[in-house]
Amino acid sequence: MELELPYPPTVNTYYRHIGFRTLISREGRRYRQRVQAICAASDIRPMAGPLAVSLDVHPPDRRRRDVDNVQKPLLDALQHGGAYADDSQIKDLHTVMRDELPGGIVFVRIRPL
């Protein structure tokens, strides 16, 4: 399975802490909805068993970023979009930070192990 997804919000803005509760931020929920719509339009069906995921991350600008801050929101959104039942299925994860592209894009490849 191959998808082209929008650049995710960083994990630093993905969660909000309210009292003793941790919630997905408004920005995080919007991102999930965008990924769900892309998956639905692409007729994505959940993959079973252990998976390998490859991410080619193109940030929207040249600001310094930690590559691991884009993984959690993106992988969670793919789960909610129906690419797999649970992100614990991912046993091999490869992420590469590439050159920036206007708006930011992530190229995702998912395959069974």
C-alpha atoms as a PDB file:
ATOM      1  CA  MET A   1       0.000   0.000   0.000  1.00  0.00           C
ATOM      2  CA  GLU A   2       1.315   3.442  -0.894  1.00  0.00           C
ATOM      3  CA  LEU A   3      -0.153   6.775   0.181  1.00  0.00           C
ATOM      4  CA  GLU A   4       0.724  10.438  -0.065  1.00  0.00           C
ATOM      5  CA  LEU A   5      -0.338  12.207   3.131  1.00  0.00           C
ATOM      6  CA  PRO A   6      -0.155  15.756   4.425  1.00  0.00           C
ATOM      7  CA  TYR A   7       2.609  16.636   6.859  1.00  0.00           C
ATOM      8  CA  PRO A   8       1.404  15.799  10.389  1.00  0.00           C
ATOM      9  CA  PRO A   9       1.354  18.074  13.404  1.00  0.00           C
ATOM     10  CA  THR A  10       4.343  17.509  15.645  1.00  0.00           C
ATOM     11  CA  VAL A  11       3.818  15.293  18.676  1.00  0.00           C
ATOM     12  CA  ASN A  12       4.544  18.435  20.732  1.00  0.00           C
ATOM     13  CA  THR A  13       1.219  19.959  19.584  1.00  0.00           C
ATOM     14  CA  TYR A  14      -0.698  16.705  19.049  1.00  0.00           C
ATOM     15  CA  TYR A  15      -1.734  16.253  22.687  1.00  0.00           C
ATOM     16  CA  ARG A  16      -3.333  18.631  25.185  1.00  0.00           C
ATOM     17  CA  HIS A  17      -3.268  18.130  28.944  1.00  0.00           C
ATOM     18  CA  ILE A  18      -6.377  19.230  30.797  1.00  0.00           C
ATOM     19  CA  GLY A  19      -6.165  18.487  34.486  1.00  0.00           C
ATOM     20  CA  PHE A  20      -5.342  14.801  34.791  1.00  0.00           C
ATOM     21  CA  ARG A  21      -6.558  13.999  31.285  1.00  0.00           C
ATOM     22  CA  THR A  22      -4.569  13.858  28.062  1.00  0.00           C
ATOM     23  CA  LEU A  23      -6.543  14.563  24.887  1.00  0.00           C
ATOM     24  CA  ILE A  24      -5.829  14.795  21.178  1.00  0.00           C
ATOM     25  CA  SER A  25      -5.629  18.495  20.264  1.00  0.00           C
ATOM     26  CA  ARG A  26      -8.001  20.173  17.816  1.00  0.00           C
ATOM     27  CA  GLU A  27      -5.158  20.238  15.272  1.00  0.00           C
ATOM     28  CA  GLY A  28      -4.542  16.525  15.864  1.00  0.00           C
ATOM     29  CA  ARG A  29      -8.214  15.671  15.353  1.00  0.00           C
ATOM     30  CA  ARG A  30      -8.303  17.667  12.099  1.00  0.00           C
ATOM     31  CA  TYR A  31      -5.230  15.797  10.870  1.00  0.00           C
ATOM     32  CA  ARG A  32      -6.824  12.437  11.698  1.00  0.00           C
ATOM     33  CA  GLN A  33      -9.942  13.418   9.764  1.00  0.00           C
ATOM     34  CA  ARG A  34      -7.875  14.411   6.712  1.00  0.00           C
ATOM     35  CA  VAL A  35      -6.026  11.069   6.764  1.00  0.00           C
ATOM     36  CA  GLN A  36      -9.301   9.177   7.232  1.00  0.00           C
ATOM     37  CA  ALA A  37     -10.750  10.952   4.180  1.00  0.00           C
ATOM     38  CA  ILE A  38      -7.668  10.120   2.083  1.00  0.00           C
ATOM     39  CA  CYS A  39      -7.808   6.464   3.159  1.00  0.00           C
ATOM     40  CA  ALA A  40     -11.534   6.259   2.411  1.00  0.00           C
ATOM     41  CA  ALA A  41     -11.046   7.844  -1.032  1.00  0.00           C
ATOM     42  CA  SER A  42      -8.223   5.377  -1.726  1.00  0.00           C
ATOM     43  CA  ASP A  43     -10.463   2.434  -0.702  1.00  0.00           C
ATOM     44  CA  ILE A  44      -7.939   1.335   1.937  1.00  0.00           C
ATOM     45  CA  ARG A  45      -8.624  -1.988   3.662  1.00  0.00           C
ATOM     46  CA  PRO A  46      -6.999  -2.913   6.994  1.00  0.00           C
ATOM     47  CA  MET A  47      -3.835  -4.971   6.623  1.00  0.00           C
ATOM     48  CA  ALA A  48      -3.435  -7.943   8.951  1.00  0.00           C
ATOM     49  CA  GLY A  49      -0.396  -9.371  10.704  1.00  0.00           C
ATOM     50  CA  PRO A  50       3.011  -7.810  11.272  1.00  0.00           C
ATOM     51  CA  LEU A  51       3.806  -4.840   9.047  1.00  0.00           C
ATOM     52  CA  ALA A  52       6.748  -2.860   7.724  1.00  0.00           C
ATOM     53  CA  VAL A  53       6.202   0.883   7.299  1.00  0.00           C
ATOM     54  CA  SER A  54       8.440   3.257   5.395  1.00  0.00           C
ATOM     55  CA  LEU A  55       8.005   7.040   5.673  1.00  0.00           C
ATOM     56  CA  ASP A  56       9.650   9.607   3.394  1.00  0.00           C
ATOM     57  CA  VAL A  57       9.039  12.860   5.240  1.00  0.00           C
ATOM     58  CA  HIS A  58       9.200  16.171   3.372  1.00  0.00           C
ATOM     59  CA  PRO A  59       8.732  19.008   5.889  1.00  0.00           C
ATOM     60  CA  PRO A  60       7.007  22.225   4.821  1.00  0.00           C
ATOM     61  CA  ASP A  61      10.056  24.437   5.440  1.00  0.00           C
ATOM     62  CA  ARG A  62      13.701  24.398   6.530  1.00  0.00           C
ATOM     63  CA  ARG A  63      13.121  24.711  10.262  1.00  0.00           C
ATOM     64  CA  ARG A  64      14.970  22.162  12.352  1.00  0.00           C
ATOM     65  CA  ARG A  65      12.767  19.193  13.254  1.00  0.00           C
ATOM     66  CA  ASP A  66      13.088  15.899  15.069  1.00  0.00           C
ATOM     67  CA  VAL A  67      12.112  13.091  12.710  1.00  0.00           C
ATOM     68  CA  ASP A  68      10.521  11.047  15.505  1.00  0.00           C
ATOM     69  CA  ASN A  69       8.001  13.819  16.308  1.00  0.00           C
ATOM     70  CA  VAL A  70       6.071  13.128  13.094  1.00  0.00           C
ATOM     71  CA  GLN A  71       5.785   9.363  13.562  1.00  0.00           C
ATOM     72  CA  LYS A  72       3.211   9.044  16.362  1.00  0.00           C
ATOM     73  CA  PRO A  73       0.527  11.375  14.931  1.00  0.00           C
ATOM     74  CA  LEU A  74       0.934   9.895  11.461  1.00  0.00           C
ATOM     75  CA  LEU A  75       0.828   6.249  12.561  1.00  0.00           C
ATOM     76  CA  ASP A  76      -2.176   6.885  14.830  1.00  0.00           C
ATOM     77  CA  ALA A  77      -4.002   8.644  11.976  1.00  0.00           C
ATOM     78  CA  LEU A  78      -3.333   5.692   9.656  1.00  0.00           C
ATOM     79  CA  GLN A  79      -4.797   3.349  12.271  1.00  0.00           C
ATOM     80  CA  HIS A  80      -7.935   5.491  12.516  1.00  0.00           C
ATOM     81  CA  GLY A  81      -8.017   5.675   8.717  1.00  0.00           C
ATOM     82  CA  GLY A  82      -8.217   1.877   8.538  1.00  0.00           C
ATOM     83  CA  ALA A  83      -4.774   1.010   7.158  1.00  0.00           C
ATOM     84  CA  TYR A  84      -4.339  -1.505   9.999  1.00  0.00           C
ATOM     85  CA  ALA A  85      -6.211  -2.509  13.137  1.00  0.00           C
ATOM     86  CA  ASP A  86      -3.557  -1.356  15.590  1.00  0.00           C
ATOM     87  CA  ASP A  87      -0.204   0.370  15.238  1.00  0.00           C
ATOM     88  CA  SER A  88       1.306  -2.361  17.439  1.00  0.00           C
ATOM     89  CA  GLN A  89       1.292  -4.427  14.214  1.00  0.00           C
ATOM     90  CA  ILE A  90       4.205  -2.304  12.981  1.00  0.00           C
ATOM     91  CA  LYS A  91       7.340  -4.336  13.600  1.00  0.00           C
ATOM     92  CA  ASP A  92       9.641  -2.545  11.137  1.00  0.00           C
ATOM     93  CA  LEU A  93       9.562   1.254  10.900  1.00  0.00           C
ATOM     94  CA  HIS A  94      11.874   3.202   8.621  1.00  0.00           C
ATOM     95  CA  THR A  95      11.703   7.011   8.522  1.00  0.00           C
ATOM     96  CA  VAL A  96      13.799   9.348   6.393  1.00  0.00           C
ATOM     97  CA  MET A  97      13.694  13.150   6.585  1.00  0.00           C
ATOM     98  CA  ARG A  98      13.967  14.474   3.033  1.00  0.00           C
ATOM     99  CA  ASP A  99      14.155  17.965   1.521  1.00  0.00           C
ATOM    100  CA  GLU A 100      11.311  20.339   2.229  1.00  0.00           C
ATOM    101  CA  LEU A 101       8.299  20.617  -0.080  1.00  0.00           C
ATOM    102  CA  PRO A 102       5.735  23.437   0.076  1.00  0.00           C
ATOM    103  CA  GLY A 103       3.025  22.476   2.560  1.00  0.00           C
ATOM    104  CA  GLY A 104       4.889  19.315   3.585  1.00  0.00           C
ATOM    105  CA  ILE A 105       4.166  15.783   2.386  1.00  0.00           C
ATOM    106  CA  VAL A 106       4.769  12.281   3.707  1.00  0.00           C
ATOM    107  CA  PHE A 107       5.050   9.354   1.322  1.00  0.00           C
ATOM    108  CA  VAL A 108       3.959   6.181   3.134  1.00  0.00           C
ATOM    109  CA  ARG A 109       4.585   2.585   2.111  1.00  0.00           C
ATOM    110  CA  ILE A 110       3.077  -0.266   4.132  1.00  0.00           C
ATOM    111  CA  ARG A 111       3.742  -3.907   3.412  1.00  0.00           C
ATOM    112  CA  PRO A 112       3.277  -7.211   5.233  1.00  0.00           C
ATOM    113  CA  LEU A 113       6.370  -8.708   6.858  1.00  0.00           C
END
